[in-house]
Amino acid sequence: MICAGFVRGSHGSQGALEWNLDESAVVAWMNNYMRIKLHNIEAFALELDDRESIERLKELVTARTNGQLYFLVNNAGIHYAATAMDLELEKVVKLFHVNVFAVMHLCQIFIPLLSRSPHGSIVQIGSVTR
């Protein structure tokens, strides 16, 4: 299982912890990188608005999982709200890179690994906060 947005208390982290109960390997990543080792959960750094960072993650995951993946959980995202007069366009661009384009890129690069498992699945989790 790969889980984007592995933050303590999030839906993705809860799923990863439950999945790990059967001693399956879980690879998680977070933008505020911290190295964790809990049972078989490993955390890797990832910047979702950086395509090279995503490609490096694919190489790490491929090596760690022997090229086979059961779940991709896209749980990461950022929020930005402002009036039209006050918004900062750079923040809007970053929001789209993280919340839309990175999700598409992650799906594209991990589908080959997902297709090697009997029932590879992609789980998209989204929310809006204020």
N, C-alpha and C. Protein backbone atom coordinates (compact mmCIF):
# COMPACT_ATOMS: atom_id res chain seq x y z
N MET A 1 0.85 -1.18 0.00
CA MET A 1 0.00 0.00 0.00
C MET A 1 0.89 1.24 0.00
N ILE A 2 0.53 2.19 -0.80
CA ILE A 2 1.17 3.49 -0.78
C ILE A 2 0.12 4.48 -0.33
N CYS A 3 0.46 5.34 0.58
CA CYS A 3 -0.49 6.30 1.11
C CYS A 3 0.09 7.71 1.01
N ALA A 4 -0.51 8.54 0.18
CA ALA A 4 -0.13 9.96 0.13
C ALA A 4 -0.86 10.67 1.24
N GLY A 5 -0.22 11.60 1.87
CA GLY A 5 -0.88 12.34 2.94
C GLY A 5 -0.91 11.57 4.24
N PHE A 6 0.16 10.85 4.54
CA PHE A 6 0.23 10.08 5.78
C PHE A 6 0.51 11.04 6.92
N VAL A 7 -0.55 11.51 7.54
CA VAL A 7 -0.45 12.42 8.67
C VAL A 7 -1.22 11.79 9.81
N ARG A 8 -0.63 11.75 10.97
CA ARG A 8 -1.26 11.11 12.11
C ARG A 8 -2.70 11.61 12.28
N GLY A 9 -3.64 10.66 12.31
CA GLY A 9 -5.05 10.99 12.49
C GLY A 9 -5.83 11.13 11.20
N SER A 10 -5.16 11.13 10.04
CA SER A 10 -5.88 11.27 8.77
C SER A 10 -6.48 9.94 8.36
N HIS A 11 -7.42 10.00 7.40
CA HIS A 11 -8.02 8.76 6.89
C HIS A 11 -6.95 7.85 6.30
N GLY A 12 -6.02 8.42 5.59
CA GLY A 12 -4.96 7.62 4.97
C GLY A 12 -4.09 6.92 5.99
N SER A 13 -3.72 7.61 7.06
CA SER A 13 -2.86 6.98 8.06
C SER A 13 -3.62 5.89 8.81
N GLN A 14 -4.90 6.10 9.07
CA GLN A 14 -5.67 5.06 9.74
C GLN A 14 -5.75 3.81 8.87
N GLY A 15 -5.98 3.99 7.58
CA GLY A 15 -6.01 2.86 6.66
C GLY A 15 -4.68 2.14 6.61
N ALA A 16 -3.60 2.90 6.58
CA ALA A 16 -2.27 2.28 6.55
C ALA A 16 -2.01 1.48 7.81
N LEU A 17 -2.41 2.01 8.96
CA LEU A 17 -2.20 1.29 10.21
C LEU A 17 -3.04 0.02 10.26
N GLU A 18 -4.29 0.09 9.78
CA GLU A 18 -5.12 -1.11 9.76
C GLU A 18 -4.58 -2.13 8.78
N TRP A 19 -4.16 -1.68 7.61
CA TRP A 19 -3.62 -2.58 6.61
C TRP A 19 -2.39 -3.28 7.16
N ASN A 20 -1.59 -2.57 7.94
CA ASN A 20 -0.35 -3.12 8.47
C ASN A 20 -0.57 -4.16 9.57
N LEU A 21 -1.80 -4.28 10.08
CA LEU A 21 -2.06 -5.24 11.14
C LEU A 21 -1.75 -6.67 10.72
N ASP A 22 -1.87 -6.94 9.43
CA ASP A 22 -1.58 -8.30 8.97
C ASP A 22 -0.13 -8.45 8.51
N GLU A 23 0.73 -7.53 8.94
CA GLU A 23 2.17 -7.57 8.65
C GLU A 23 2.49 -7.37 7.17
N SER A 24 1.60 -6.73 6.44
CA SER A 24 1.90 -6.39 5.04
C SER A 24 2.79 -5.16 5.01
N ALA A 25 3.58 -5.06 3.98
CA ALA A 25 4.46 -3.89 3.85
C ALA A 25 3.61 -2.68 3.46
N VAL A 26 3.87 -1.57 4.10
CA VAL A 26 3.19 -0.32 3.79
C VAL A 26 4.26 0.74 3.58
N VAL A 27 4.14 1.46 2.50
CA VAL A 27 5.05 2.56 2.23
C VAL A 27 4.19 3.83 2.25
N ALA A 28 4.56 4.78 3.08
CA ALA A 28 3.79 6.02 3.19
C ALA A 28 4.71 7.19 2.87
N TRP A 29 4.13 8.30 2.54
CA TRP A 29 4.95 9.48 2.36
C TRP A 29 4.23 10.71 2.88
N MET A 30 4.99 11.72 3.12
CA MET A 30 4.44 12.96 3.64
C MET A 30 5.32 14.11 3.19
N ASN A 31 4.73 15.29 3.08
CA ASN A 31 5.54 16.43 2.66
C ASN A 31 6.40 16.96 3.81
N ASN A 32 5.93 16.88 5.03
CA ASN A 32 6.76 17.23 6.18
C ASN A 32 7.49 15.96 6.58
N TYR A 33 8.57 15.69 5.89
CA TYR A 33 9.26 14.40 5.99
C TYR A 33 9.76 14.10 7.39
N MET A 34 9.41 12.94 7.84
CA MET A 34 9.99 12.41 9.07
C MET A 34 10.11 10.91 8.86
N ARG A 35 11.22 10.37 9.24
CA ARG A 35 11.47 8.95 9.06
C ARG A 35 10.75 8.19 10.16
N ILE A 36 9.89 7.28 9.77
CA ILE A 36 9.22 6.45 10.76
C ILE A 36 9.44 4.99 10.42
N LYS A 37 9.43 4.17 11.41
CA LYS A 37 9.49 2.73 11.20
C LYS A 37 8.57 2.12 12.25
N LEU A 38 7.38 1.77 11.87
CA LEU A 38 6.39 1.18 12.75
C LEU A 38 5.94 -0.11 12.07
N HIS A 39 6.32 -1.23 12.63
CA HIS A 39 6.07 -2.51 12.00
C HIS A 39 6.69 -2.46 10.60
N ASN A 40 5.88 -2.55 9.56
CA ASN A 40 6.41 -2.50 8.19
C ASN A 40 6.09 -1.18 7.50
N ILE A 41 5.79 -0.13 8.25
CA ILE A 41 5.47 1.16 7.64
C ILE A 41 6.75 1.98 7.51
N GLU A 42 7.02 2.41 6.31
CA GLU A 42 8.17 3.28 6.05
C GLU A 42 7.67 4.58 5.46
N ALA A 43 8.26 5.67 5.85
CA ALA A 43 7.88 6.98 5.32
C ALA A 43 8.99 7.50 4.43
N PHE A 44 8.60 8.07 3.31
CA PHE A 44 9.55 8.67 2.38
C PHE A 44 9.12 10.09 2.09
N ALA A 45 10.08 10.94 1.85
CA ALA A 45 9.78 12.34 1.53
C ALA A 45 9.19 12.44 0.13
N LEU A 46 8.26 13.37 -0.03
CA LEU A 46 7.67 13.61 -1.34
C LEU A 46 7.13 15.02 -1.38
N GLU A 47 7.45 15.71 -2.45
CA GLU A 47 6.86 17.02 -2.73
C GLU A 47 5.94 16.82 -3.92
N LEU A 48 4.64 16.91 -3.69
CA LEU A 48 3.67 16.60 -4.74
C LEU A 48 3.68 17.58 -5.89
N ASP A 49 4.21 18.77 -5.71
CA ASP A 49 4.28 19.72 -6.82
C ASP A 49 5.62 19.65 -7.55
N ASP A 50 6.35 18.56 -7.34
CA ASP A 50 7.66 18.35 -7.97
C ASP A 50 7.65 16.99 -8.67
N ARG A 51 7.58 17.01 -10.00
CA ARG A 51 7.50 15.76 -10.78
C ARG A 51 8.69 14.83 -10.53
N GLU A 52 9.87 15.41 -10.37
CA GLU A 52 11.06 14.58 -10.12
C GLU A 52 10.95 13.87 -8.77
N SER A 53 10.37 14.52 -7.79
CA SER A 53 10.16 13.91 -6.49
C SER A 53 9.22 12.70 -6.61
N ILE A 54 8.18 12.84 -7.42
CA ILE A 54 7.25 11.74 -7.64
C ILE A 54 7.95 10.58 -8.35
N GLU A 55 8.78 10.89 -9.34
CA GLU A 55 9.51 9.84 -10.07
C GLU A 55 10.49 9.12 -9.14
N ARG A 56 11.16 9.85 -8.25
CA ARG A 56 12.07 9.21 -7.28
C ARG A 56 11.29 8.27 -6.36
N LEU A 57 10.09 8.71 -5.97
CA LEU A 57 9.27 7.86 -5.12
C LEU A 57 8.93 6.55 -5.83
N LYS A 58 8.62 6.63 -7.11
CA LYS A 58 8.30 5.41 -7.86
C LYS A 58 9.47 4.44 -7.81
N GLU A 59 10.68 4.94 -7.98
CA GLU A 59 11.85 4.06 -7.92
C GLU A 59 11.99 3.41 -6.55
N LEU A 60 11.81 4.19 -5.48
CA LEU A 60 11.90 3.65 -4.12
C LEU A 60 10.82 2.60 -3.86
N VAL A 61 9.61 2.90 -4.28
CA VAL A 61 8.49 1.99 -4.05
C VAL A 61 8.66 0.72 -4.86
N THR A 62 9.10 0.85 -6.10
CA THR A 62 9.31 -0.33 -6.93
C THR A 62 10.32 -1.26 -6.28
N ALA A 63 11.41 -0.71 -5.77
CA ALA A 63 12.43 -1.53 -5.10
C ALA A 63 11.89 -2.14 -3.81
N ARG A 64 11.15 -1.36 -3.03
CA ARG A 64 10.65 -1.82 -1.72
C ARG A 64 9.57 -2.89 -1.86
N THR A 65 8.75 -2.81 -2.92
CA THR A 65 7.61 -3.72 -3.07
C THR A 65 7.85 -4.80 -4.12
N ASN A 66 9.07 -4.89 -4.61
CA ASN A 66 9.38 -5.85 -5.69
C ASN A 66 8.49 -5.64 -6.91
N GLY A 67 8.13 -4.39 -7.17
CA GLY A 67 7.39 -4.05 -8.37
C GLY A 67 5.92 -4.41 -8.35
N GLN A 68 5.36 -4.71 -7.18
CA GLN A 68 3.95 -5.06 -7.09
C GLN A 68 3.29 -4.21 -6.01
N LEU A 69 2.10 -3.70 -6.32
CA LEU A 69 1.42 -2.79 -5.41
C LEU A 69 -0.05 -3.16 -5.33
N TYR A 70 -0.61 -3.17 -4.12
CA TYR A 70 -2.00 -3.53 -3.93
C TYR A 70 -2.92 -2.31 -3.87
N PHE A 71 -2.48 -1.25 -3.19
CA PHE A 71 -3.31 -0.05 -3.04
C PHE A 71 -2.48 1.21 -3.23
N LEU A 72 -3.07 2.18 -3.89
CA LEU A 72 -2.55 3.54 -3.92
C LEU A 72 -3.64 4.40 -3.29
N VAL A 73 -3.34 5.03 -2.16
CA VAL A 73 -4.30 5.88 -1.47
C VAL A 73 -3.86 7.33 -1.64
N ASN A 74 -4.61 8.09 -2.41
CA ASN A 74 -4.33 9.51 -2.61
C ASN A 74 -5.13 10.29 -1.57
N ASN A 75 -4.46 10.66 -0.50
CA ASN A 75 -5.10 11.34 0.62
C ASN A 75 -4.50 12.73 0.85
N ALA A 76 -3.47 13.07 0.12
CA ALA A 76 -2.80 14.35 0.33
C ALA A 76 -3.55 15.47 -0.38
N GLY A 77 -3.42 16.65 0.14
CA GLY A 77 -4.03 17.80 -0.50
C GLY A 77 -3.74 19.05 0.30
N ILE A 78 -3.91 20.17 -0.36
CA ILE A 78 -3.74 21.46 0.32
C ILE A 78 -4.98 22.30 0.10
N HIS A 79 -5.14 23.30 0.92
CA HIS A 79 -6.30 24.18 0.83
C HIS A 79 -5.81 25.62 0.71
N TYR A 80 -6.52 26.38 -0.09
CA TYR A 80 -6.24 27.81 -0.19
C TYR A 80 -7.53 28.51 -0.55
N ALA A 81 -7.85 29.56 0.14
CA ALA A 81 -9.06 30.33 -0.15
C ALA A 81 -8.74 31.81 -0.02
N ALA A 82 -9.25 32.56 -0.95
CA ALA A 82 -9.08 34.01 -0.92
C ALA A 82 -10.09 34.63 -1.87
N THR A 83 -10.37 35.89 -1.68
CA THR A 83 -11.24 36.58 -2.62
C THR A 83 -10.49 36.79 -3.94
N ALA A 84 -11.20 37.04 -5.00
CA ALA A 84 -10.57 37.27 -6.30
C ALA A 84 -9.59 38.43 -6.25
N MET A 85 -9.89 39.42 -5.45
CA MET A 85 -9.01 40.59 -5.35
C MET A 85 -7.75 40.28 -4.56
N ASP A 86 -7.84 39.33 -3.62
CA ASP A 86 -6.73 39.09 -2.71
C ASP A 86 -5.91 37.84 -3.00
N LEU A 87 -6.38 37.01 -3.91
CA LEU A 87 -5.69 35.73 -4.09
C LEU A 87 -4.29 35.90 -4.68
N GLU A 88 -3.43 34.97 -4.30
CA GLU A 88 -2.07 34.93 -4.84
C GLU A 88 -2.03 33.81 -5.86
N LEU A 89 -1.83 34.15 -7.11
CA LEU A 89 -1.90 33.20 -8.21
C LEU A 89 -0.93 32.03 -8.02
N GLU A 90 0.24 32.29 -7.45
CA GLU A 90 1.21 31.21 -7.22
C GLU A 90 0.63 30.14 -6.30
N LYS A 91 -0.14 30.56 -5.31
CA LYS A 91 -0.75 29.59 -4.38
C LYS A 91 -1.84 28.78 -5.07
N VAL A 92 -2.57 29.42 -6.00
CA VAL A 92 -3.60 28.70 -6.75
C VAL A 92 -2.94 27.67 -7.67
N VAL A 93 -1.86 28.05 -8.32
CA VAL A 93 -1.13 27.12 -9.19
C VAL A 93 -0.62 25.93 -8.38
N LYS A 94 -0.04 26.18 -7.21
CA LYS A 94 0.44 25.10 -6.35
C LYS A 94 -0.71 24.19 -5.93
N LEU A 95 -1.86 24.77 -5.59
CA LEU A 95 -3.02 23.98 -5.21
C LEU A 95 -3.40 23.01 -6.33
N PHE A 96 -3.43 23.49 -7.57
CA PHE A 96 -3.77 22.62 -8.69
C PHE A 96 -2.70 21.56 -8.93
N HIS A 97 -1.44 21.94 -8.77
CA HIS A 97 -0.36 20.96 -8.93
C HIS A 97 -0.50 19.83 -7.92
N VAL A 98 -0.77 20.17 -6.67
CA VAL A 98 -0.86 19.16 -5.61
C VAL A 98 -2.16 18.38 -5.68
N ASN A 99 -3.29 19.07 -5.79
CA ASN A 99 -4.59 18.43 -5.66
C ASN A 99 -5.11 17.78 -6.94
N VAL A 100 -4.60 18.19 -8.10
CA VAL A 100 -5.11 17.65 -9.36
C VAL A 100 -4.00 16.94 -10.15
N PHE A 101 -3.00 17.69 -10.56
CA PHE A 101 -1.99 17.12 -11.44
C PHE A 101 -1.16 16.03 -10.78
N ALA A 102 -0.80 16.21 -9.52
CA ALA A 102 -0.02 15.18 -8.83
C ALA A 102 -0.81 13.89 -8.68
N VAL A 103 -2.10 14.01 -8.39
CA VAL A 103 -2.94 12.81 -8.27
C VAL A 103 -2.96 12.05 -9.60
N MET A 104 -3.13 12.77 -10.69
CA MET A 104 -3.12 12.15 -12.02
C MET A 104 -1.77 11.48 -12.30
N HIS A 105 -0.69 12.18 -11.96
CA HIS A 105 0.65 11.64 -12.18
C HIS A 105 0.88 10.39 -11.34
N LEU A 106 0.49 10.42 -10.07
CA LEU A 106 0.65 9.25 -9.21
C LEU A 106 -0.11 8.06 -9.76
N CYS A 107 -1.32 8.28 -10.21
CA CYS A 107 -2.09 7.18 -10.80
C CYS A 107 -1.38 6.62 -12.03
N GLN A 108 -0.92 7.49 -12.90
CA GLN A 108 -0.24 7.04 -14.12
C GLN A 108 1.00 6.21 -13.82
N ILE A 109 1.84 6.67 -12.91
CA ILE A 109 3.11 5.97 -12.71
C ILE A 109 2.95 4.70 -11.87
N PHE A 110 1.89 4.61 -11.06
CA PHE A 110 1.74 3.42 -10.23
C PHE A 110 0.78 2.39 -10.80
N ILE A 111 0.04 2.70 -11.85
CA ILE A 111 -0.85 1.71 -12.46
C ILE A 111 -0.08 0.46 -12.92
N PRO A 112 1.11 0.58 -13.51
CA PRO A 112 1.82 -0.66 -13.88
C PRO A 112 2.09 -1.56 -12.67
N LEU A 113 2.43 -1.00 -11.52
CA LEU A 113 2.66 -1.80 -10.32
C LEU A 113 1.36 -2.37 -9.78
N LEU A 114 0.29 -1.58 -9.83
CA LEU A 114 -1.02 -2.03 -9.37
C LEU A 114 -1.54 -3.18 -10.24
N SER A 115 -1.25 -3.12 -11.53
CA SER A 115 -1.76 -4.16 -12.44
C SER A 115 -1.06 -5.50 -12.22
N ARG A 116 0.06 -5.51 -11.51
CA ARG A 116 0.76 -6.77 -11.22
C ARG A 116 0.21 -7.50 -10.00
N SER A 117 -0.69 -6.85 -9.26
CA SER A 117 -1.30 -7.51 -8.11
C SER A 117 -2.70 -8.01 -8.51
N PRO A 118 -3.22 -9.00 -7.81
CA PRO A 118 -4.50 -9.59 -8.20
C PRO A 118 -5.66 -8.59 -8.25
N HIS A 119 -5.70 -7.66 -7.33
CA HIS A 119 -6.82 -6.71 -7.27
C HIS A 119 -6.30 -5.32 -6.92
N GLY A 120 -5.35 -4.81 -7.68
CA GLY A 120 -4.81 -3.49 -7.41
C GLY A 120 -5.90 -2.44 -7.44
N SER A 121 -5.87 -1.52 -6.47
CA SER A 121 -6.93 -0.53 -6.35
C SER A 121 -6.35 0.85 -6.06
N ILE A 122 -7.06 1.87 -6.53
CA ILE A 122 -6.73 3.25 -6.25
C ILE A 122 -7.86 3.83 -5.41
N VAL A 123 -7.51 4.43 -4.29
CA VAL A 123 -8.49 5.06 -3.41
C VAL A 123 -8.20 6.56 -3.40
N GLN A 124 -9.19 7.35 -3.80
CA GLN A 124 -9.06 8.80 -3.80
C GLN A 124 -9.84 9.35 -2.60
N ILE A 125 -9.19 10.12 -1.75
CA ILE A 125 -9.85 10.73 -0.61
C ILE A 125 -9.71 12.24 -0.74
N GLY A 126 -10.80 12.93 -0.68
CA GLY A 126 -10.75 14.37 -0.79
C GLY A 126 -11.64 15.02 0.26
N SER A 127 -11.26 16.20 0.66
CA SER A 127 -12.07 16.94 1.62
C SER A 127 -11.83 18.43 1.42
N VAL A 128 -12.73 19.20 1.94
CA VAL A 128 -12.60 20.64 1.88
C VAL A 128 -12.68 21.15 3.31
N THR A 129 -11.69 21.93 3.70
CA THR A 129 -11.69 22.51 5.04
C THR A 129 -11.59 24.02 4.92
N ARG A 130 -11.91 24.66 5.97
CA ARG A 130 -11.82 26.12 5.97
C ARG A 130 -11.15 26.57 7.22
